[in-house]
Amino acid sequence: MGKQELISAFEQARAELVEAISGLSEDEMLQPGAVGYWSVKDVLAHLTAWESELITALVRIEQGKKGVPNIVTIDDIDEWNDQQYRGNSRRDLQVILEDFHGVAKHLVAAIEAQPDQVLDDNRRFPWMEGEPLAYLVYENAIWHEQEHADEIVAWRRDLSEESGENYD
C-alpha cells in the first residue's frame, strides 16, 4: 500500500472519529464510561499517546536510526495504557484536543516522509515479523481510531436511548 493510500485511510478513520465526538459538550467529553471507565477526553489522550509513539518510530526510521522502536517493545499494553491515562488525567480537555489534532498533522507528515517501498516491504524490518511498516500505521492509528470511534458511537446510542433522545 502506497503512502497516499495509507494517508487517505488515516484521514478517513480520523474523520469517523471526529464525527463520533461531534456535538458533544465539554461535560459529555469528560463523562466517564465512554470506553470502559474512560471518558472521551481519556480516549483522545490515549490515541494521541499511541500515535505519538508511532510518529517517533517513523521519524527514527526516516533518519536511519537502528533498533526496534519503543512502540513495538511495549510488553504490557494494559500497564502502558494505564500509565498514559494517569499521566493525562489531570490535563485540560482543550490541551488534549489540541494535542489530538496536532498529532494527526505530524503523523501525516511522518508517513509522507517514508518512501513507498519502505512502507510496503514486509522483509525490511525483522521486528515487524513479516508485516510491512504500513501495518504498524494501520494497527496503531487507523484501526485504533476506528475501534474507538465505534465504541464512542455505541456509547452515545446507549446514552440517547436512556434519555429517550435519538442519536442517529
C-alpha atoms as a PDB file:
ATOM      1  CA  MET A   1       0.000   0.000   0.000  1.00  0.00           C
ATOM      2  CA  GLY A   2       1.410   3.357  -1.010  1.00  0.00           C
ATOM      3  CA  LYS A   3       1.718   6.265   1.362  1.00  0.00           C
ATOM      4  CA  GLN A   4      -1.120   8.205  -0.276  1.00  0.00           C
ATOM      5  CA  GLU A   5      -3.493   5.283   0.280  1.00  0.00           C
ATOM      6  CA  LEU A   6      -2.245   4.996   3.854  1.00  0.00           C
ATOM      7  CA  ILE A   7      -2.759   8.708   4.463  1.00  0.00           C
ATOM      8  CA  SER A   8      -6.246   8.547   2.934  1.00  0.00           C
ATOM      9  CA  ALA A   9      -7.141   5.609   5.180  1.00  0.00           C
ATOM     10  CA  PHE A  10      -5.889   7.511   8.232  1.00  0.00           C
ATOM     11  CA  GLU A  11      -7.772  10.665   7.254  1.00  0.00           C
ATOM     12  CA  GLN A  12     -10.954   8.615   6.792  1.00  0.00           C
ATOM     13  CA  ALA A  13     -10.537   6.960  10.198  1.00  0.00           C
ATOM     14  CA  ARG A  14      -9.880  10.360  11.767  1.00  0.00           C
ATOM     15  CA  ALA A  15     -12.979  11.824  10.104  1.00  0.00           C
ATOM     16  CA  GLU A  16     -15.074   8.955  11.506  1.00  0.00           C
ATOM     17  CA  LEU A  17     -13.708   9.589  14.991  1.00  0.00           C
ATOM     18  CA  VAL A  18     -14.283  13.343  14.752  1.00  0.00           C
ATOM     19  CA  GLU A  19     -17.845  12.634  13.602  1.00  0.00           C
ATOM     20  CA  ALA A  20     -18.308  10.253  16.557  1.00  0.00           C
ATOM     21  CA  ILE A  21     -17.452  13.027  19.030  1.00  0.00           C
ATOM     22  CA  SER A  22     -19.115  15.833  17.093  1.00  0.00           C
ATOM     23  CA  GLY A  23     -21.641  17.801  19.089  1.00  0.00           C
ATOM     24  CA  LEU A  24     -20.545  16.538  22.497  1.00  0.00           C
ATOM     25  CA  SER A  25     -20.499  19.167  25.211  1.00  0.00           C
ATOM     26  CA  GLU A  26     -17.469  19.581  27.446  1.00  0.00           C
ATOM     27  CA  ASP A  27     -19.339  17.806  30.256  1.00  0.00           C
ATOM     28  CA  GLU A  28     -20.117  14.885  27.940  1.00  0.00           C
ATOM     29  CA  MET A  29     -16.471  14.712  26.812  1.00  0.00           C
ATOM     30  CA  LEU A  30     -15.453  14.430  30.464  1.00  0.00           C
ATOM     31  CA  GLN A  31     -18.100  11.881  31.471  1.00  0.00           C
ATOM     32  CA  PRO A  32     -16.577   8.536  32.470  1.00  0.00           C
ATOM     33  CA  GLY A  33     -17.801   5.401  30.740  1.00  0.00           C
ATOM     34  CA  ALA A  34     -17.417   6.184  27.052  1.00  0.00           C
ATOM     35  CA  VAL A  35     -14.932   3.324  26.662  1.00  0.00           C
ATOM     36  CA  GLY A  36     -14.660   1.234  29.797  1.00  0.00           C
ATOM     37  CA  TYR A  37     -14.143   3.753  32.576  1.00  0.00           C
ATOM     38  CA  TRP A  38     -12.524   6.268  30.224  1.00  0.00           C
ATOM     39  CA  SER A  39     -14.163   9.481  29.125  1.00  0.00           C
ATOM     40  CA  VAL A  40     -13.966  10.707  25.533  1.00  0.00           C
ATOM     41  CA  LYS A  41     -11.161  13.001  26.702  1.00  0.00           C
ATOM     42  CA  ASP A  42      -9.286   9.957  28.019  1.00  0.00           C
ATOM     43  CA  VAL A  43      -9.788   8.110  24.719  1.00  0.00           C
ATOM     44  CA  LEU A  44      -8.418  11.067  22.749  1.00  0.00           C
ATOM     45  CA  ALA A  45      -5.379  11.274  25.051  1.00  0.00           C
ATOM     46  CA  HIS A  46      -4.906   7.502  24.674  1.00  0.00           C
ATOM     47  CA  LEU A  47      -4.960   7.718  20.869  1.00  0.00           C
ATOM     48  CA  THR A  48      -2.619  10.701  20.940  1.00  0.00           C
ATOM     49  CA  ALA A  49      -0.125   8.772  23.085  1.00  0.00           C
ATOM     50  CA  TRP A  50      -0.087   5.790  20.713  1.00  0.00           C
ATOM     51  CA  GLU A  51       0.147   7.965  17.634  1.00  0.00           C
ATOM     52  CA  SER A  52       2.969   9.968  19.194  1.00  0.00           C
ATOM     53  CA  GLU A  53       4.900   6.731  19.688  1.00  0.00           C
ATOM     54  CA  LEU A  54       4.142   5.821  16.075  1.00  0.00           C
ATOM     55  CA  ILE A  55       5.458   9.184  14.860  1.00  0.00           C
ATOM     56  CA  THR A  56       8.641   8.703  16.873  1.00  0.00           C
ATOM     57  CA  ALA A  57       9.136   5.288  15.251  1.00  0.00           C
ATOM     58  CA  LEU A  58       8.549   6.629  11.739  1.00  0.00           C
ATOM     59  CA  VAL A  59      10.869   9.598  12.256  1.00  0.00           C
ATOM     60  CA  ARG A  60      13.624   7.347  13.636  1.00  0.00           C
ATOM     61  CA  ILE A  61      13.276   5.090  10.590  1.00  0.00           C
ATOM     62  CA  GLU A  62      13.356   8.069   8.241  1.00  0.00           C
ATOM     63  CA  GLN A  63      16.525   9.306   9.979  1.00  0.00           C
ATOM     64  CA  GLY A  64      18.135   5.904   9.500  1.00  0.00           C
ATOM     65  CA  LYS A  65      18.349   5.112  13.202  1.00  0.00           C
ATOM     66  CA  LYS A  66      18.701   1.442  14.023  1.00  0.00           C
ATOM     67  CA  GLY A  67      16.976  -0.531  16.718  1.00  0.00           C
ATOM     68  CA  VAL A  68      13.478  -1.676  17.494  1.00  0.00           C
ATOM     69  CA  PRO A  69      11.060   1.225  18.064  1.00  0.00           C
ATOM     70  CA  ASN A  70       9.538   1.607  21.525  1.00  0.00           C
ATOM     71  CA  ILE A  71       6.033   1.148  20.136  1.00  0.00           C
ATOM     72  CA  VAL A  72       6.944  -2.427  19.208  1.00  0.00           C
ATOM     73  CA  THR A  73       8.621  -3.288  22.525  1.00  0.00           C
ATOM     74  CA  ILE A  74       5.783  -2.385  24.887  1.00  0.00           C
ATOM     75  CA  ASP A  75       5.368  -5.634  26.829  1.00  0.00           C
ATOM     76  CA  ASP A  76       2.306  -4.901  28.929  1.00  0.00           C
ATOM     77  CA  ILE A  77      -0.096  -2.828  26.851  1.00  0.00           C
ATOM     78  CA  ASP A  78      -2.631  -2.515  29.679  1.00  0.00           C
ATOM     79  CA  GLU A  79       0.042  -1.189  32.037  1.00  0.00           C
ATOM     80  CA  TRP A  80       1.318   1.246  29.391  1.00  0.00           C
ATOM     81  CA  ASN A  81      -2.226   2.437  28.705  1.00  0.00           C
ATOM     82  CA  ASP A  82      -2.789   2.919  32.430  1.00  0.00           C
ATOM     83  CA  GLN A  83       0.430   4.952  32.750  1.00  0.00           C
ATOM     84  CA  GLN A  84      -0.706   7.171  29.879  1.00  0.00           C
ATOM     85  CA  TYR A  85      -4.157   7.507  31.431  1.00  0.00           C
ATOM     86  CA  ARG A  86      -2.719   8.556  34.783  1.00  0.00           C
ATOM     87  CA  GLY A  87      -0.342  10.991  33.099  1.00  0.00           C
ATOM     88  CA  ASN A  88      -3.123  12.634  31.118  1.00  0.00           C
ATOM     89  CA  SER A  89      -5.998  12.500  33.602  1.00  0.00           C
ATOM     90  CA  ARG A  90      -5.360  15.950  35.072  1.00  0.00           C
ATOM     91  CA  ARG A  91      -4.620  17.643  31.752  1.00  0.00           C
ATOM     92  CA  ASP A  92      -7.201  20.105  30.496  1.00  0.00           C
ATOM     93  CA  LEU A  93      -9.626  18.965  27.794  1.00  0.00           C
ATOM     94  CA  GLN A  94      -8.613  21.807  25.472  1.00  0.00           C
ATOM     95  CA  VAL A  95      -4.948  20.791  25.695  1.00  0.00           C
ATOM     96  CA  ILE A  96      -5.872  17.171  24.962  1.00  0.00           C
ATOM     97  CA  LEU A  97      -7.919  18.310  21.933  1.00  0.00           C
ATOM     98  CA  GLU A  98      -5.030  20.452  20.647  1.00  0.00           C
ATOM     99  CA  ASP A  99      -2.635  17.526  21.005  1.00  0.00           C
ATOM    100  CA  PHE A 100      -5.126  15.173  19.330  1.00  0.00           C
ATOM    101  CA  HIS A 101      -5.467  17.430  16.298  1.00  0.00           C
ATOM    102  CA  GLY A 102      -1.754  18.229  16.220  1.00  0.00           C
ATOM    103  CA  VAL A 103      -0.644  14.605  16.300  1.00  0.00           C
ATOM    104  CA  ALA A 104      -2.670  13.925  13.145  1.00  0.00           C
ATOM    105  CA  LYS A 105      -0.712  16.566  11.223  1.00  0.00           C
ATOM    106  CA  HIS A 106       2.593  15.157  12.459  1.00  0.00           C
ATOM    107  CA  LEU A 107       1.564  11.606  11.639  1.00  0.00           C
ATOM    108  CA  VAL A 108       0.635  12.524   8.072  1.00  0.00           C
ATOM    109  CA  ALA A 109       3.994  14.297   7.687  1.00  0.00           C
ATOM    110  CA  ALA A 110       5.847  11.267   9.092  1.00  0.00           C
ATOM    111  CA  ILE A 111       4.056   8.961   6.651  1.00  0.00           C
ATOM    112  CA  GLU A 112       4.749  11.328   3.753  1.00  0.00           C
ATOM    113  CA  ALA A 113       8.464  11.232   4.597  1.00  0.00           C
ATOM    114  CA  GLN A 114       8.581   7.449   4.070  1.00  0.00           C
ATOM    115  CA  PRO A 115       9.253   6.048   0.606  1.00  0.00           C
ATOM    116  CA  ASP A 116       6.512   3.677  -0.563  1.00  0.00           C
ATOM    117  CA  GLN A 117       8.981   0.792  -0.700  1.00  0.00           C
ATOM    118  CA  VAL A 118       9.834   1.277   2.988  1.00  0.00           C
ATOM    119  CA  LEU A 119       6.146   1.186   3.926  1.00  0.00           C
ATOM    120  CA  ASP A 120       5.399  -1.855   1.750  1.00  0.00           C
ATOM    121  CA  ASP A 121       8.420  -4.131   2.245  1.00  0.00           C
ATOM    122  CA  ASN A 122       7.436  -6.936   4.587  1.00  0.00           C
ATOM    123  CA  ARG A 123      11.071  -8.058   4.942  1.00  0.00           C
ATOM    124  CA  ARG A 124      12.762  -4.755   5.651  1.00  0.00           C
ATOM    125  CA  PHE A 125      12.222  -4.726   9.421  1.00  0.00           C
ATOM    126  CA  PRO A 126      12.621  -8.090  11.190  1.00  0.00           C
ATOM    127  CA  TRP A 127      10.862  -6.694  14.269  1.00  0.00           C
ATOM    128  CA  MET A 128       7.704  -6.366  12.136  1.00  0.00           C
ATOM    129  CA  GLU A 129       7.611 -10.183  11.999  1.00  0.00           C
ATOM    130  CA  GLY A 130       6.751 -10.414   8.310  1.00  0.00           C
ATOM    131  CA  GLU A 131       4.400  -7.440   8.160  1.00  0.00           C
ATOM    132  CA  PRO A 132       5.198  -4.247   6.256  1.00  0.00           C
ATOM    133  CA  LEU A 133       5.709  -0.973   8.098  1.00  0.00           C
ATOM    134  CA  ALA A 134       2.307   0.170   6.808  1.00  0.00           C
ATOM    135  CA  TYR A 135       0.783  -2.440   9.128  1.00  0.00           C
ATOM    136  CA  LEU A 136       2.222  -0.569  12.126  1.00  0.00           C
ATOM    137  CA  VAL A 137       0.356   2.541  10.970  1.00  0.00           C
ATOM    138  CA  TYR A 138      -2.855   0.598  10.476  1.00  0.00           C
ATOM    139  CA  GLU A 139      -2.595  -1.086  13.847  1.00  0.00           C
ATOM    140  CA  ASN A 140      -1.667   1.943  15.923  1.00  0.00           C
ATOM    141  CA  ALA A 141      -3.580   4.688  14.142  1.00  0.00           C
ATOM    142  CA  ILE A 142      -6.165   3.668  11.549  1.00  0.00           C
ATOM    143  CA  TRP A 143      -7.720   0.555  13.098  1.00  0.00           C
ATOM    144  CA  HIS A 144      -7.203   2.002  16.567  1.00  0.00           C
ATOM    145  CA  GLU A 145      -9.168   5.156  15.748  1.00  0.00           C
ATOM    146  CA  GLN A 146     -11.897   3.131  14.026  1.00  0.00           C
ATOM    147  CA  GLU A 147     -12.212   0.858  17.052  1.00  0.00           C
ATOM    148  CA  HIS A 148     -12.640   3.741  19.479  1.00  0.00           C
ATOM    149  CA  ALA A 149     -14.932   5.679  17.129  1.00  0.00           C
ATOM    150  CA  ASP A 150     -17.228   2.634  17.020  1.00  0.00           C
ATOM    151  CA  GLU A 151     -17.161   2.377  20.823  1.00  0.00           C
ATOM    152  CA  ILE A 152     -17.998   6.055  21.237  1.00  0.00           C
ATOM    153  CA  VAL A 153     -20.870   5.798  18.749  1.00  0.00           C
ATOM    154  CA  ALA A 154     -22.252   2.812  20.692  1.00  0.00           C
ATOM    155  CA  TRP A 155     -21.888   4.740  23.982  1.00  0.00           C
ATOM    156  CA  ARG A 156     -23.717   7.729  22.517  1.00  0.00           C
ATOM    157  CA  ARG A 157     -26.535   5.473  21.278  1.00  0.00           C
ATOM    158  CA  ASP A 158     -26.843   3.945  24.746  1.00  0.00           C
ATOM    159  CA  LEU A 159     -26.987   7.405  26.309  1.00  0.00           C
ATOM    160  CA  SER A 160     -29.597   8.596  23.842  1.00  0.00           C
ATOM    161  CA  GLU A 161     -31.755   5.512  24.479  1.00  0.00           C
ATOM    162  CA  GLU A 162     -31.530   6.109  28.211  1.00  0.00           C
ATOM    163  CA  SER A 163     -32.571   9.730  27.795  1.00  0.00           C
ATOM    164  CA  GLY A 164     -35.218   8.993  25.151  1.00  0.00           C
ATOM    165  CA  GLU A 165     -33.399  11.056  22.516  1.00  0.00           C
ATOM    166  CA  ASN A 166     -32.327   9.795  19.099  1.00  0.00           C
ATOM    167  CA  TYR A 167     -28.556   9.904  18.461  1.00  0.00           C
ATOM    168  CA  ASP A 168     -28.621   8.758  14.833  1.00  0.00           C
END
